[in-house]
Amino acid sequence: VDLSFSCWFFYILSKVQRIVGAIVGWKTLPRFPYFDQQVIGGWLFLLSIALWFFIKRFVKRIFTIGFSMNSKNAVRSNSSQVAVIGLVLGLVVLVLFCTVAGMSTWIALAFILLLLGKGLIVTRIRAELGPPQLEFYRVGAESILYTALGSRRLGGRNLTMLGLLFFSDRAVGSHPMPHQLEGFKLAQRTGIDHKRLAMVMLISIGVGIVSSFWIFLHLGYTLGVSNRFMGYVGQ
């Protein structure tokens, strides 16, 4: 019901905004009524709500486990610790990579955090509404930083790195996180061990990365690539 309401309500609202803009003379302004910025505000608001409820639940869980340390809660506590440590280490490695490549540390941190937040919201939308395809074009971390700070404040090195990393932020149709969440949900329903499933996912990711790079390079050298930004093969 919520998804059905959103489809027709926001479609009509977008038309009304354009009509009002034309009436008052705003139609000459570029990109009015700034649909991309509205989408950015929408998913940042959803992210804030998700983080707020997560923090409340996480703190409550810590206190519950702390006062009741039986064997089951101990396993949950260890799993939570491993997840937090993995998140922190992964964040440090990604920020360090971007910094060594030429980005400012705080820009790299902001970019990675926004990138993770975007993935979280895409996964939540997929989990709650179940659309088969999602697309968040021009409303990701790179667009937010460029719009909020401007090219002069970002500087040449940050702009260059943001351009090189645009592939990770352009679209979310192939984002792995929603598929992983669905996999864990199916495992929960069918009684499959989560640890084994996670190990299979890690192995599949490694095989997928290596094979996709090899296939892309092979087809590129065999069939050629165009000069378009996505590197379409065989044109």
C-alpha atoms as a PDB file:
ATOM      1  CA  VAL A   1       0.000   0.000   0.000  1.00  0.00           C
ATOM      2  CA  ASP A   2       2.799   2.428   0.871  1.00  0.00           C
ATOM      3  CA  LEU A   3       4.599   1.717  -2.391  1.00  0.00           C
ATOM      4  CA  SER A   4       1.401   2.100  -4.430  1.00  0.00           C
ATOM      5  CA  PHE A   5       0.652   5.416  -2.731  1.00  0.00           C
ATOM      6  CA  SER A   6       4.175   6.726  -3.308  1.00  0.00           C
ATOM      7  CA  CYS A   7       4.084   5.857  -7.014  1.00  0.00           C
ATOM      8  CA  TRP A   8       1.078   7.987  -7.885  1.00  0.00           C
ATOM      9  CA  PHE A   9       1.410  10.685  -5.188  1.00  0.00           C
ATOM     10  CA  PHE A  10       4.983  11.704  -5.956  1.00  0.00           C
ATOM     11  CA  TYR A  11       4.369  11.458  -9.693  1.00  0.00           C
ATOM     12  CA  ILE A  12       1.554  14.022  -9.368  1.00  0.00           C
ATOM     13  CA  LEU A  13       3.614  16.103  -6.936  1.00  0.00           C
ATOM     14  CA  SER A  14       6.476  16.313  -9.446  1.00  0.00           C
ATOM     15  CA  LYS A  15       4.068  17.589 -12.124  1.00  0.00           C
ATOM     16  CA  VAL A  16       2.623  20.172  -9.712  1.00  0.00           C
ATOM     17  CA  GLN A  17       6.108  21.450  -8.890  1.00  0.00           C
ATOM     18  CA  ARG A  18       6.880  21.984 -12.552  1.00  0.00           C
ATOM     19  CA  ILE A  19       3.572  23.781 -13.141  1.00  0.00           C
ATOM     20  CA  VAL A  20       4.124  26.076 -10.146  1.00  0.00           C
ATOM     21  CA  GLY A  21       7.684  26.755 -11.285  1.00  0.00           C
ATOM     22  CA  ALA A  22       6.477  27.734 -14.752  1.00  0.00           C
ATOM     23  CA  ILE A  23       3.752  29.999 -13.317  1.00  0.00           C
ATOM     24  CA  VAL A  24       6.144  31.995 -11.112  1.00  0.00           C
ATOM     25  CA  GLY A  25       8.886  32.113 -13.744  1.00  0.00           C
ATOM     26  CA  TRP A  26      11.290  29.539 -12.281  1.00  0.00           C
ATOM     27  CA  LYS A  27      11.275  27.404 -15.415  1.00  0.00           C
ATOM     28  CA  THR A  28      14.334  29.270 -16.690  1.00  0.00           C
ATOM     29  CA  LEU A  29      16.415  28.084 -13.738  1.00  0.00           C
ATOM     30  CA  PRO A  30      18.576  25.034 -14.459  1.00  0.00           C
ATOM     31  CA  ARG A  31      17.281  21.697 -13.179  1.00  0.00           C
ATOM     32  CA  PHE A  32      14.283  23.157 -11.322  1.00  0.00           C
ATOM     33  CA  PRO A  33      12.584  21.747  -9.280  1.00  0.00           C
ATOM     34  CA  TYR A  34      15.815  19.964  -8.320  1.00  0.00           C
ATOM     35  CA  PHE A  35      14.508  16.417  -8.275  1.00  0.00           C
ATOM     36  CA  ASP A  36      17.974  14.970  -7.635  1.00  0.00           C
ATOM     37  CA  GLN A  37      18.375  17.089  -4.519  1.00  0.00           C
ATOM     38  CA  GLN A  38      14.932  16.028  -3.317  1.00  0.00           C
ATOM     39  CA  VAL A  39      15.919  12.396  -3.714  1.00  0.00           C
ATOM     40  CA  ILE A  40      19.150  13.053  -1.799  1.00  0.00           C
ATOM     41  CA  GLY A  41      17.202  14.632   1.049  1.00  0.00           C
ATOM     42  CA  GLY A  42      14.756  11.714   1.032  1.00  0.00           C
ATOM     43  CA  TRP A  43      17.316   8.933   1.320  1.00  0.00           C
ATOM     44  CA  LEU A  44      19.410  10.858   3.865  1.00  0.00           C
ATOM     45  CA  PHE A  45      16.269  11.245   5.980  1.00  0.00           C
ATOM     46  CA  LEU A  46      15.532   7.521   5.686  1.00  0.00           C
ATOM     47  CA  LEU A  47      19.139   6.807   6.645  1.00  0.00           C
ATOM     48  CA  SER A  48      18.858   9.026   9.730  1.00  0.00           C
ATOM     49  CA  ILE A  49      15.729   7.183  10.866  1.00  0.00           C
ATOM     50  CA  ALA A  50      17.346   3.778  10.264  1.00  0.00           C
ATOM     51  CA  LEU A  51      20.495   4.738  12.179  1.00  0.00           C
ATOM     52  CA  TRP A  52      18.465   6.151  15.066  1.00  0.00           C
ATOM     53  CA  PHE A  53      16.478   2.955  15.560  1.00  0.00           C
ATOM     54  CA  PHE A  54      19.592   0.832  15.047  1.00  0.00           C
ATOM     55  CA  ILE A  55      21.522   2.734  17.714  1.00  0.00           C
ATOM     56  CA  LYS A  56      18.646   2.405  20.188  1.00  0.00           C
ATOM     57  CA  ARG A  57      18.336  -1.326  19.499  1.00  0.00           C
ATOM     58  CA  PHE A  58      22.100  -1.846  19.601  1.00  0.00           C
ATOM     59  CA  VAL A  59      22.516  -0.106  22.949  1.00  0.00           C
ATOM     60  CA  LYS A  60      19.586  -2.057  24.398  1.00  0.00           C
ATOM     61  CA  ARG A  61      21.082  -5.294  23.129  1.00  0.00           C
ATOM     62  CA  ILE A  62      24.467  -4.511  24.680  1.00  0.00           C
ATOM     63  CA  PHE A  63      22.886  -3.935  28.088  1.00  0.00           C
ATOM     64  CA  THR A  64      20.733  -7.065  27.768  1.00  0.00           C
ATOM     65  CA  ILE A  65      23.695  -9.259  26.860  1.00  0.00           C
ATOM     66  CA  GLY A  66      25.857  -7.628  29.502  1.00  0.00           C
ATOM     67  CA  PHE A  67      23.468  -8.478  32.336  1.00  0.00           C
ATOM     68  CA  SER A  68      22.639 -11.965  31.005  1.00  0.00           C
ATOM     69  CA  MET A  69      25.792 -13.668  29.758  1.00  0.00           C
ATOM     70  CA  ASN A  70      24.590 -17.176  29.031  1.00  0.00           C
ATOM     71  CA  SER A  71      26.090 -19.268  26.228  1.00  0.00           C
ATOM     72  CA  LYS A  72      23.616 -18.068  23.588  1.00  0.00           C
ATOM     73  CA  ASN A  73      24.101 -14.402  24.424  1.00  0.00           C
ATOM     74  CA  ALA A  74      27.862 -14.922  24.482  1.00  0.00           C
ATOM     75  CA  VAL A  75      27.760 -16.165  20.892  1.00  0.00           C
ATOM     76  CA  ARG A  76      25.660 -13.152  19.874  1.00  0.00           C
ATOM     77  CA  SER A  77      28.070 -10.829  21.655  1.00  0.00           C
ATOM     78  CA  ASN A  78      31.060 -12.346  19.845  1.00  0.00           C
ATOM     79  CA  SER A  79      29.256 -12.050  16.512  1.00  0.00           C
ATOM     80  CA  SER A  80      28.465  -8.396  17.172  1.00  0.00           C
ATOM     81  CA  GLN A  81      32.068  -7.709  18.127  1.00  0.00           C
ATOM     82  CA  VAL A  82      33.368  -9.388  14.966  1.00  0.00           C
ATOM     83  CA  ALA A  83      30.924  -7.366  12.851  1.00  0.00           C
ATOM     84  CA  VAL A  84      31.947  -4.067  14.471  1.00  0.00           C
ATOM     85  CA  ILE A  85      35.664  -4.856  14.172  1.00  0.00           C
ATOM     86  CA  GLY A  86      35.224  -5.816  10.519  1.00  0.00           C
ATOM     87  CA  LEU A  87      33.316  -2.608   9.814  1.00  0.00           C
ATOM     88  CA  VAL A  88      35.956  -0.429  11.458  1.00  0.00           C
ATOM     89  CA  LEU A  89      38.883  -2.191   9.787  1.00  0.00           C
ATOM     90  CA  GLY A  90      37.180  -2.069   6.391  1.00  0.00           C
ATOM     91  CA  LEU A  91      36.451   1.619   6.830  1.00  0.00           C
ATOM     92  CA  VAL A  92      40.060   2.348   7.802  1.00  0.00           C
ATOM     93  CA  VAL A  93      41.428   0.432   4.813  1.00  0.00           C
ATOM     94  CA  LEU A  94      39.109   2.171   2.338  1.00  0.00           C
ATOM     95  CA  VAL A  95      39.868   5.641   3.738  1.00  0.00           C
ATOM     96  CA  LEU A  96      43.590   4.869   3.711  1.00  0.00           C
ATOM     97  CA  PHE A  97      43.373   3.703   0.094  1.00  0.00           C
ATOM     98  CA  CYS A  98      41.612   6.908  -0.970  1.00  0.00           C
ATOM     99  CA  THR A  99      44.045   9.055   1.025  1.00  0.00           C
ATOM    100  CA  VAL A 100      47.111   7.417  -0.517  1.00  0.00           C
ATOM    101  CA  ALA A 101      45.516   7.874  -3.946  1.00  0.00           C
ATOM    102  CA  GLY A 102      45.335  11.626  -3.352  1.00  0.00           C
ATOM    103  CA  MET A 103      42.077  12.441  -1.539  1.00  0.00           C
ATOM    104  CA  SER A 104      41.887  14.482   1.618  1.00  0.00           C
ATOM    105  CA  THR A 105      41.282  12.301   4.653  1.00  0.00           C
ATOM    106  CA  TRP A 106      38.018  13.938   5.682  1.00  0.00           C
ATOM    107  CA  ILE A 107      36.692  13.897   2.103  1.00  0.00           C
ATOM    108  CA  ALA A 108      37.596  10.208   1.823  1.00  0.00           C
ATOM    109  CA  LEU A 109      35.862   9.463   5.133  1.00  0.00           C
ATOM    110  CA  ALA A 110      32.747  11.390   4.112  1.00  0.00           C
ATOM    111  CA  PHE A 111      32.663   9.648   0.728  1.00  0.00           C
ATOM    112  CA  ILE A 112      32.953   6.140   2.196  1.00  0.00           C
ATOM    113  CA  LEU A 113      30.370   6.801   4.914  1.00  0.00           C
ATOM    114  CA  LEU A 114      27.884   8.193   2.390  1.00  0.00           C
ATOM    115  CA  LEU A 115      28.569   5.239   0.115  1.00  0.00           C
ATOM    116  CA  LEU A 116      27.839   2.792   2.946  1.00  0.00           C
ATOM    117  CA  GLY A 117      24.719   4.731   3.926  1.00  0.00           C
ATOM    118  CA  LYS A 118      23.416   4.595   0.371  1.00  0.00           C
ATOM    119  CA  GLY A 119      23.922   0.844   0.298  1.00  0.00           C
ATOM    120  CA  LEU A 120      22.095   0.478   3.601  1.00  0.00           C
ATOM    121  CA  ILE A 121      19.065   2.410   2.374  1.00  0.00           C
ATOM    122  CA  VAL A 122      18.946   0.510  -0.923  1.00  0.00           C
ATOM    123  CA  THR A 123      18.974  -2.738   1.038  1.00  0.00           C
ATOM    124  CA  ARG A 124      16.221  -1.571   3.356  1.00  0.00           C
ATOM    125  CA  ILE A 125      14.026  -0.482   0.432  1.00  0.00           C
ATOM    126  CA  ARG A 126      14.569  -3.854  -1.227  1.00  0.00           C
ATOM    127  CA  ALA A 127      13.782  -5.718   1.999  1.00  0.00           C
ATOM    128  CA  GLU A 128      10.628  -3.776   2.895  1.00  0.00           C
ATOM    129  CA  LEU A 129       9.131  -3.206  -0.555  1.00  0.00           C
ATOM    130  CA  GLY A 130      10.707  -5.915  -2.692  1.00  0.00           C
ATOM    131  CA  PRO A 131      11.202  -4.073  -6.024  1.00  0.00           C
ATOM    132  CA  PRO A 132      13.225  -6.189  -8.463  1.00  0.00           C
ATOM    133  CA  GLN A 133      15.332  -3.225  -9.598  1.00  0.00           C
ATOM    134  CA  LEU A 134      16.562  -0.061  -7.868  1.00  0.00           C
ATOM    135  CA  GLU A 135      18.293   2.948  -9.394  1.00  0.00           C
ATOM    136  CA  PHE A 136      19.873   5.897  -7.548  1.00  0.00           C
ATOM    137  CA  TYR A 137      21.511   7.834 -10.361  1.00  0.00           C
ATOM    138  CA  ARG A 138      23.255  11.176  -9.626  1.00  0.00           C
ATOM    139  CA  VAL A 139      22.164  11.174  -5.973  1.00  0.00           C
ATOM    140  CA  GLY A 140      25.105   9.421  -4.319  1.00  0.00           C
ATOM    141  CA  ALA A 141      28.161  10.415  -2.313  1.00  0.00           C
ATOM    142  CA  GLU A 142      30.023  12.028  -5.210  1.00  0.00           C
ATOM    143  CA  SER A 143      27.040  14.207  -6.128  1.00  0.00           C
ATOM    144  CA  ILE A 144      26.421  15.220  -2.507  1.00  0.00           C
ATOM    145  CA  LEU A 145      30.026  16.277  -1.894  1.00  0.00           C
ATOM    146  CA  TYR A 146      30.301  18.161  -5.181  1.00  0.00           C
ATOM    147  CA  THR A 147      26.986  19.985  -4.656  1.00  0.00           C
ATOM    148  CA  ALA A 148      27.588  20.798  -0.989  1.00  0.00           C
ATOM    149  CA  LEU A 149      31.236  21.884  -1.206  1.00  0.00           C
ATOM    150  CA  GLY A 150      31.789  22.973  -4.791  1.00  0.00           C
ATOM    151  CA  SER A 151      34.736  22.303  -7.049  1.00  0.00           C
ATOM    152  CA  ARG A 152      36.976  25.044  -5.624  1.00  0.00           C
ATOM    153  CA  ARG A 153      36.798  23.783  -2.051  1.00  0.00           C
ATOM    154  CA  LEU A 154      37.212  20.156  -3.097  1.00  0.00           C
ATOM    155  CA  GLY A 155      40.309  20.864  -5.156  1.00  0.00           C
ATOM    156  CA  GLY A 156      41.832  19.092  -8.116  1.00  0.00           C
ATOM    157  CA  ARG A 157      42.974  15.896  -6.387  1.00  0.00           C
ATOM    158  CA  ASN A 158      39.629  15.235  -4.687  1.00  0.00           C
ATOM    159  CA  LEU A 159      37.732  15.943  -7.900  1.00  0.00           C
ATOM    160  CA  THR A 160      39.986  13.568  -9.815  1.00  0.00           C
ATOM    161  CA  MET A 161      39.540  10.760  -7.304  1.00  0.00           C
ATOM    162  CA  LEU A 162      35.783  11.313  -7.084  1.00  0.00           C
ATOM    163  CA  GLY A 163      35.649  11.027 -10.849  1.00  0.00           C
ATOM    164  CA  LEU A 164      37.672   7.810 -10.817  1.00  0.00           C
ATOM    165  CA  LEU A 165      35.444   6.367  -8.070  1.00  0.00           C
ATOM    166  CA  PHE A 166      32.217   7.371  -9.805  1.00  0.00           C
ATOM    167  CA  PHE A 167      31.721   3.760 -10.927  1.00  0.00           C
ATOM    168  CA  SER A 168      31.104   2.771  -7.287  1.00  0.00           C
ATOM    169  CA  ASP A 169      28.510   5.474  -6.800  1.00  0.00           C
ATOM    170  CA  ARG A 170      26.673   5.844 -10.094  1.00  0.00           C
ATOM    171  CA  ALA A 171      24.006   3.139  -9.845  1.00  0.00           C
ATOM    172  CA  VAL A 172      22.860   0.472  -7.428  1.00  0.00           C
ATOM    173  CA  GLY A 173      21.178  -2.027  -9.727  1.00  0.00           C
ATOM    174  CA  SER A 174      23.961  -4.550  -9.128  1.00  0.00           C
ATOM    175  CA  HIS A 175      24.591  -3.679  -5.483  1.00  0.00           C
ATOM    176  CA  PRO A 176      25.388  -6.950  -3.646  1.00  0.00           C
ATOM    177  CA  MET A 177      23.965  -6.024  -0.242  1.00  0.00           C
ATOM    178  CA  PRO A 178      20.232  -6.448  -1.074  1.00  0.00           C
ATOM    179  CA  HIS A 179      20.933  -9.851  -2.619  1.00  0.00           C
ATOM    180  CA  GLN A 180      22.987 -10.889   0.407  1.00  0.00           C
ATOM    181  CA  LEU A 181      20.171  -9.905   2.753  1.00  0.00           C
ATOM    182  CA  GLU A 182      17.697 -11.931   0.721  1.00  0.00           C
ATOM    183  CA  GLY A 183      20.094 -14.864   0.851  1.00  0.00           C
ATOM    184  CA  PHE A 184      20.285 -14.713   4.640  1.00  0.00           C
ATOM    185  CA  LYS A 185      16.502 -14.459   4.872  1.00  0.00           C
ATOM    186  CA  LEU A 186      16.095 -17.530   2.675  1.00  0.00           C
ATOM    187  CA  ALA A 187      18.662 -19.311   4.827  1.00  0.00           C
ATOM    188  CA  GLN A 188      16.675 -18.420   7.932  1.00  0.00           C
ATOM    189  CA  ARG A 189      13.477 -19.800   6.400  1.00  0.00           C
ATOM    190  CA  THR A 190      15.090 -23.016   5.165  1.00  0.00           C
ATOM    191  CA  GLY A 191      17.375 -23.707   8.139  1.00  0.00           C
ATOM    192  CA  ILE A 192      20.694 -23.185   6.302  1.00  0.00           C
ATOM    193  CA  ASP A 193      23.645 -22.343   8.525  1.00  0.00           C
ATOM    194  CA  HIS A 194      24.444 -18.613   8.268  1.00  0.00           C
ATOM    195  CA  LYS A 195      28.170 -19.094   8.744  1.00  0.00           C
ATOM    196  CA  ARG A 196      28.402 -21.523   5.830  1.00  0.00           C
ATOM    197  CA  LEU A 197      26.327 -19.214   3.669  1.00  0.00           C
ATOM    198  CA  ALA A 198      28.591 -16.268   4.559  1.00  0.00           C
ATOM    199  CA  MET A 199      31.659 -18.313   3.620  1.00  0.00           C
ATOM    200  CA  VAL A 200      30.091 -19.259   0.283  1.00  0.00           C
ATOM    201  CA  MET A 201      29.300 -15.592  -0.343  1.00  0.00           C
ATOM    202  CA  LEU A 202      32.906 -14.567   0.363  1.00  0.00           C
ATOM    203  CA  ILE A 203      34.256 -17.231  -1.984  1.00  0.00           C
ATOM    204  CA  SER A 204      31.741 -16.239  -4.671  1.00  0.00           C
ATOM    205  CA  ILE A 205      32.727 -12.577  -4.353  1.00  0.00           C
ATOM    206  CA  GLY A 206      36.407 -13.453  -4.839  1.00  0.00           C
ATOM    207  CA  VAL A 207      35.682 -15.626  -7.868  1.00  0.00           C
ATOM    208  CA  GLY A 208      33.315 -12.997  -9.288  1.00  0.00           C
ATOM    209  CA  ILE A 209      35.850 -10.177  -8.976  1.00  0.00           C
ATOM    210  CA  VAL A 210      38.648 -12.089 -10.685  1.00  0.00           C
ATOM    211  CA  SER A 211      36.459 -13.559 -13.439  1.00  0.00           C
ATOM    212  CA  SER A 212      34.647 -10.282 -14.204  1.00  0.00           C
ATOM    213  CA  PHE A 213      37.927  -8.377 -14.570  1.00  0.00           C
ATOM    214  CA  TRP A 214      39.313 -11.084 -16.853  1.00  0.00           C
ATOM    215  CA  ILE A 215      36.134 -11.254 -18.965  1.00  0.00           C
ATOM    216  CA  PHE A 216      35.940  -7.481 -19.357  1.00  0.00           C
ATOM    217  CA  LEU A 217      39.579  -7.184 -20.416  1.00  0.00           C
ATOM    218  CA  HIS A 218      39.286 -10.178 -22.734  1.00  0.00           C
ATOM    219  CA  LEU A 219      36.201  -8.840 -24.503  1.00  0.00           C
ATOM    220  CA  GLY A 220      37.672  -5.355 -24.608  1.00  0.00           C
ATOM    221  CA  TYR A 221      40.829  -6.487 -26.362  1.00  0.00           C
ATOM    222  CA  THR A 222      38.904  -8.907 -28.585  1.00  0.00           C
ATOM    223  CA  LEU A 223      35.885  -6.817 -29.614  1.00  0.00           C
ATOM    224  CA  GLY A 224      37.027  -3.331 -28.647  1.00  0.00           C
ATOM    225  CA  VAL A 225      35.403  -0.750 -26.400  1.00  0.00           C
ATOM    226  CA  SER A 226      33.732   2.580 -27.055  1.00  0.00           C
ATOM    227  CA  ASN A 227      34.712   5.892 -25.501  1.00  0.00           C
ATOM    228  CA  ARG A 228      31.557   6.048 -23.379  1.00  0.00           C
ATOM    229  CA  PHE A 229      32.068   6.305 -19.623  1.00  0.00           C
ATOM    230  CA  MET A 230      30.786   2.781 -18.894  1.00  0.00           C
ATOM    231  CA  GLY A 231      33.122   1.242 -21.462  1.00  0.00           C
ATOM    232  CA  TYR A 232      30.558  -0.585 -23.536  1.00  0.00           C
ATOM    233  CA  VAL A 233      32.099  -3.607 -25.182  1.00  0.00           C
ATOM    234  CA  GLY A 234      31.840  -4.453 -28.855  1.00  0.00           C
ATOM    235  CA  GLN A 235      30.672  -1.097 -30.254  1.00  0.00           C
END
